[in-house]
Amino acid sequence: MKQVIIVIQSLKLPKGKLAAQAAHASVEAAHRAEKSVYEEWRRQGMAKIVVKVDALDELYTYIQQAKDEGIATAIITDAGKTTVAPGTVTCGAIGPGREAEIDAITKDLSLL
């Protein structure tokens, strides 16, 4: 079981902002997962992998593929109070879910 968090690298978010946005994505997607999937992921240590894309359209492509497979997803839109403009999409998350199913979607993405 794992979760993949996808960050839009071209935004060049400061490290702290990036960490907060990734945490938002992780929590939101976990809340959307089926209870049994979430509980199994939690029992196994809540593995999270953070990867990067260059642009928003890439993020949407990966998130849609996961949705099509029935995997929980989340997209995070920033409130714009600090670093980026209001409504800026910063990252997303896929899972928690079965590792093989998530890897089939995200295997070509590079680690952040």
C-alpha atoms as a PDB file:
ATOM      1  CA  MET A   1       0.000   0.000   0.000  1.00  0.00           C
ATOM      2  CA  LYS A   2       1.206   3.483  -0.765  1.00  0.00           C
ATOM      3  CA  GLN A   3       0.279   7.034  -1.631  1.00  0.00           C
ATOM      4  CA  VAL A   4       1.938   9.213  -4.262  1.00  0.00           C
ATOM      5  CA  ILE A   5       1.991  12.980  -3.905  1.00  0.00           C
ATOM      6  CA  ILE A   6       2.577  14.897  -7.126  1.00  0.00           C
ATOM      7  CA  VAL A   7       4.063  18.395  -6.895  1.00  0.00           C
ATOM      8  CA  ILE A   8       4.094  20.945  -9.723  1.00  0.00           C
ATOM      9  CA  GLN A   9       7.799  21.727  -9.837  1.00  0.00           C
ATOM     10  CA  SER A  10       7.526  24.778 -12.110  1.00  0.00           C
ATOM     11  CA  LEU A  11       5.897  26.740  -9.267  1.00  0.00           C
ATOM     12  CA  LYS A  12       9.246  26.687  -7.427  1.00  0.00           C
ATOM     13  CA  LEU A  13       7.530  26.713  -4.035  1.00  0.00           C
ATOM     14  CA  PRO A  14       9.695  27.366  -0.969  1.00  0.00           C
ATOM     15  CA  LYS A  15      10.441  24.145   0.926  1.00  0.00           C
ATOM     16  CA  GLY A  16       8.100  24.927   3.797  1.00  0.00           C
ATOM     17  CA  LYS A  17       5.213  25.837   1.494  1.00  0.00           C
ATOM     18  CA  LEU A  18       5.806  22.712  -0.572  1.00  0.00           C
ATOM     19  CA  ALA A  19       5.775  20.532   2.544  1.00  0.00           C
ATOM     20  CA  ALA A  20       2.514  22.085   3.740  1.00  0.00           C
ATOM     21  CA  GLN A  21       0.834  21.650   0.345  1.00  0.00           C
ATOM     22  CA  ALA A  22       1.999  18.030   0.109  1.00  0.00           C
ATOM     23  CA  ALA A  23       0.604  17.399   3.588  1.00  0.00           C
ATOM     24  CA  HIS A  24      -2.747  18.893   2.552  1.00  0.00           C
ATOM     25  CA  ALA A  25      -2.834  16.579  -0.471  1.00  0.00           C
ATOM     26  CA  SER A  26      -1.948  13.524   1.589  1.00  0.00           C
ATOM     27  CA  VAL A  27      -4.597  14.140   4.222  1.00  0.00           C
ATOM     28  CA  GLU A  28      -7.330  15.034   1.736  1.00  0.00           C
ATOM     29  CA  ALA A  29      -6.778  11.954  -0.430  1.00  0.00           C
ATOM     30  CA  ALA A  30      -6.608   9.735   2.667  1.00  0.00           C
ATOM     31  CA  HIS A  31      -9.982  11.087   3.794  1.00  0.00           C
ATOM     32  CA  ARG A  32     -11.451  10.188   0.400  1.00  0.00           C
ATOM     33  CA  ALA A  33     -10.175   6.603   0.411  1.00  0.00           C
ATOM     34  CA  GLU A  34     -12.391   3.670   1.239  1.00  0.00           C
ATOM     35  CA  LYS A  35     -12.175   2.936   4.948  1.00  0.00           C
ATOM     36  CA  SER A  36     -10.719  -0.548   4.477  1.00  0.00           C
ATOM     37  CA  VAL A  37      -8.048   0.757   2.074  1.00  0.00           C
ATOM     38  CA  TYR A  38      -7.145   3.578   4.449  1.00  0.00           C
ATOM     39  CA  GLU A  39      -6.907   1.218   7.426  1.00  0.00           C
ATOM     40  CA  GLU A  40      -4.691  -1.253   5.550  1.00  0.00           C
ATOM     41  CA  TRP A  41      -2.405   1.595   4.401  1.00  0.00           C
ATOM     42  CA  ARG A  42      -2.218   2.890   7.951  1.00  0.00           C
ATOM     43  CA  ARG A  43      -1.369  -0.552   9.363  1.00  0.00           C
ATOM     44  CA  GLN A  44       1.424  -0.864   6.812  1.00  0.00           C
ATOM     45  CA  GLY A  45       3.067   2.413   7.831  1.00  0.00           C
ATOM     46  CA  MET A  46       1.380   4.964   5.522  1.00  0.00           C
ATOM     47  CA  ALA A  47       4.050   4.937   2.781  1.00  0.00           C
ATOM     48  CA  LYS A  48       4.190   8.205   0.842  1.00  0.00           C
ATOM     49  CA  ILE A  49       6.272   8.953  -2.232  1.00  0.00           C
ATOM     50  CA  VAL A  50       6.669  12.534  -3.496  1.00  0.00           C
ATOM     51  CA  VAL A  51       7.202  12.999  -7.219  1.00  0.00           C
ATOM     52  CA  LYS A  52       7.215  15.946  -9.590  1.00  0.00           C
ATOM     53  CA  VAL A  53       5.629  17.146 -12.798  1.00  0.00           C
ATOM     54  CA  ASP A  54       6.432  20.299 -14.735  1.00  0.00           C
ATOM     55  CA  ALA A  55       2.938  21.576 -15.420  1.00  0.00           C
ATOM     56  CA  LEU A  56      -0.668  21.578 -14.282  1.00  0.00           C
ATOM     57  CA  ASP A  57      -1.928  19.614 -17.277  1.00  0.00           C
ATOM     58  CA  GLU A  58       0.413  16.757 -16.368  1.00  0.00           C
ATOM     59  CA  LEU A  59      -0.940  16.704 -12.815  1.00  0.00           C
ATOM     60  CA  TYR A  60      -4.505  16.538 -14.111  1.00  0.00           C
ATOM     61  CA  THR A  61      -3.596  13.676 -16.459  1.00  0.00           C
ATOM     62  CA  TYR A  62      -2.219  11.507 -13.654  1.00  0.00           C
ATOM     63  CA  ILE A  63      -5.060  12.359 -11.282  1.00  0.00           C
ATOM     64  CA  GLN A  64      -7.651  11.489 -13.942  1.00  0.00           C
ATOM     65  CA  GLN A  65      -5.985   8.149 -14.649  1.00  0.00           C
ATOM     66  CA  ALA A  66      -6.186   7.307 -10.940  1.00  0.00           C
ATOM     67  CA  LYS A  67      -9.840   8.391 -10.759  1.00  0.00           C
ATOM     68  CA  ASP A  68     -10.608   6.202 -13.769  1.00  0.00           C
ATOM     69  CA  GLU A  69      -9.124   3.254 -11.835  1.00  0.00           C
ATOM     70  CA  GLY A  70     -11.211   4.036  -8.761  1.00  0.00           C
ATOM     71  CA  ILE A  71      -8.273   5.195  -6.643  1.00  0.00           C
ATOM     72  CA  ALA A  72      -8.800   8.041  -4.172  1.00  0.00           C
ATOM     73  CA  THR A  73      -7.336  11.353  -5.314  1.00  0.00           C
ATOM     74  CA  ALA A  74      -7.070  14.969  -4.247  1.00  0.00           C
ATOM     75  CA  ILE A  75      -6.023  18.194  -5.930  1.00  0.00           C
ATOM     76  CA  ILE A  76      -4.902  21.078  -3.737  1.00  0.00           C
ATOM     77  CA  THR A  77      -5.740  24.660  -4.612  1.00  0.00           C
ATOM     78  CA  ASP A  78      -3.946  27.293  -2.547  1.00  0.00           C
ATOM     79  CA  ALA A  79      -5.788  30.089  -0.766  1.00  0.00           C
ATOM     80  CA  GLY A  80      -3.126  32.542  -1.917  1.00  0.00           C
ATOM     81  CA  LYS A  81      -2.290  34.083   1.435  1.00  0.00           C
ATOM     82  CA  THR A  82       1.474  33.702   1.182  1.00  0.00           C
ATOM     83  CA  THR A  83       3.453  32.626  -1.874  1.00  0.00           C
ATOM     84  CA  VAL A  84       1.167  32.042  -4.852  1.00  0.00           C
ATOM     85  CA  ALA A  85      -1.969  33.663  -6.254  1.00  0.00           C
ATOM     86  CA  PRO A  86      -5.352  32.558  -4.884  1.00  0.00           C
ATOM     87  CA  GLY A  87      -6.673  29.512  -6.718  1.00  0.00           C
ATOM     88  CA  THR A  88      -3.259  28.198  -7.783  1.00  0.00           C
ATOM     89  CA  VAL A  89      -3.191  24.407  -7.987  1.00  0.00           C
ATOM     90  CA  THR A  90       0.007  23.307  -6.247  1.00  0.00           C
ATOM     91  CA  CYS A  91      -0.110  19.524  -6.022  1.00  0.00           C
ATOM     92  CA  GLY A  92      -2.229  16.414  -5.854  1.00  0.00           C
ATOM     93  CA  ALA A  93      -2.249  12.967  -4.335  1.00  0.00           C
ATOM     94  CA  ILE A  94      -3.096   9.503  -5.575  1.00  0.00           C
ATOM     95  CA  GLY A  95      -4.051   6.939  -2.988  1.00  0.00           C
ATOM     96  CA  PRO A  96      -3.734   5.397  -0.554  1.00  0.00           C
ATOM     97  CA  GLY A  97      -4.124   2.330  -2.654  1.00  0.00           C
ATOM     98  CA  ARG A  98      -2.488  -0.850  -3.757  1.00  0.00           C
ATOM     99  CA  GLU A  99       1.118  -0.269  -4.741  1.00  0.00           C
ATOM    100  CA  ALA A 100       0.897  -2.082  -8.092  1.00  0.00           C
ATOM    101  CA  GLU A 101      -2.180  -0.078  -9.135  1.00  0.00           C
ATOM    102  CA  ILE A 102      -0.587   3.257  -8.242  1.00  0.00           C
ATOM    103  CA  ASP A 103       2.774   2.315  -9.788  1.00  0.00           C
ATOM    104  CA  ALA A 104       1.008   1.483 -13.058  1.00  0.00           C
ATOM    105  CA  ILE A 105      -0.009   5.158 -13.223  1.00  0.00           C
ATOM    106  CA  THR A 106       2.999   6.947 -11.711  1.00  0.00           C
ATOM    107  CA  LYS A 107       5.980   4.711 -12.531  1.00  0.00           C
ATOM    108  CA  ASP A 108       7.479   7.171 -15.036  1.00  0.00           C
ATOM    109  CA  LEU A 109       7.496  10.150 -12.672  1.00  0.00           C
ATOM    110  CA  SER A 110      10.751  11.302 -11.074  1.00  0.00           C
ATOM    111  CA  LEU A 111      11.186  11.707  -7.344  1.00  0.00           C
ATOM    112  CA  LEU A 112      11.114  15.281  -6.098  1.00  0.00           C
END
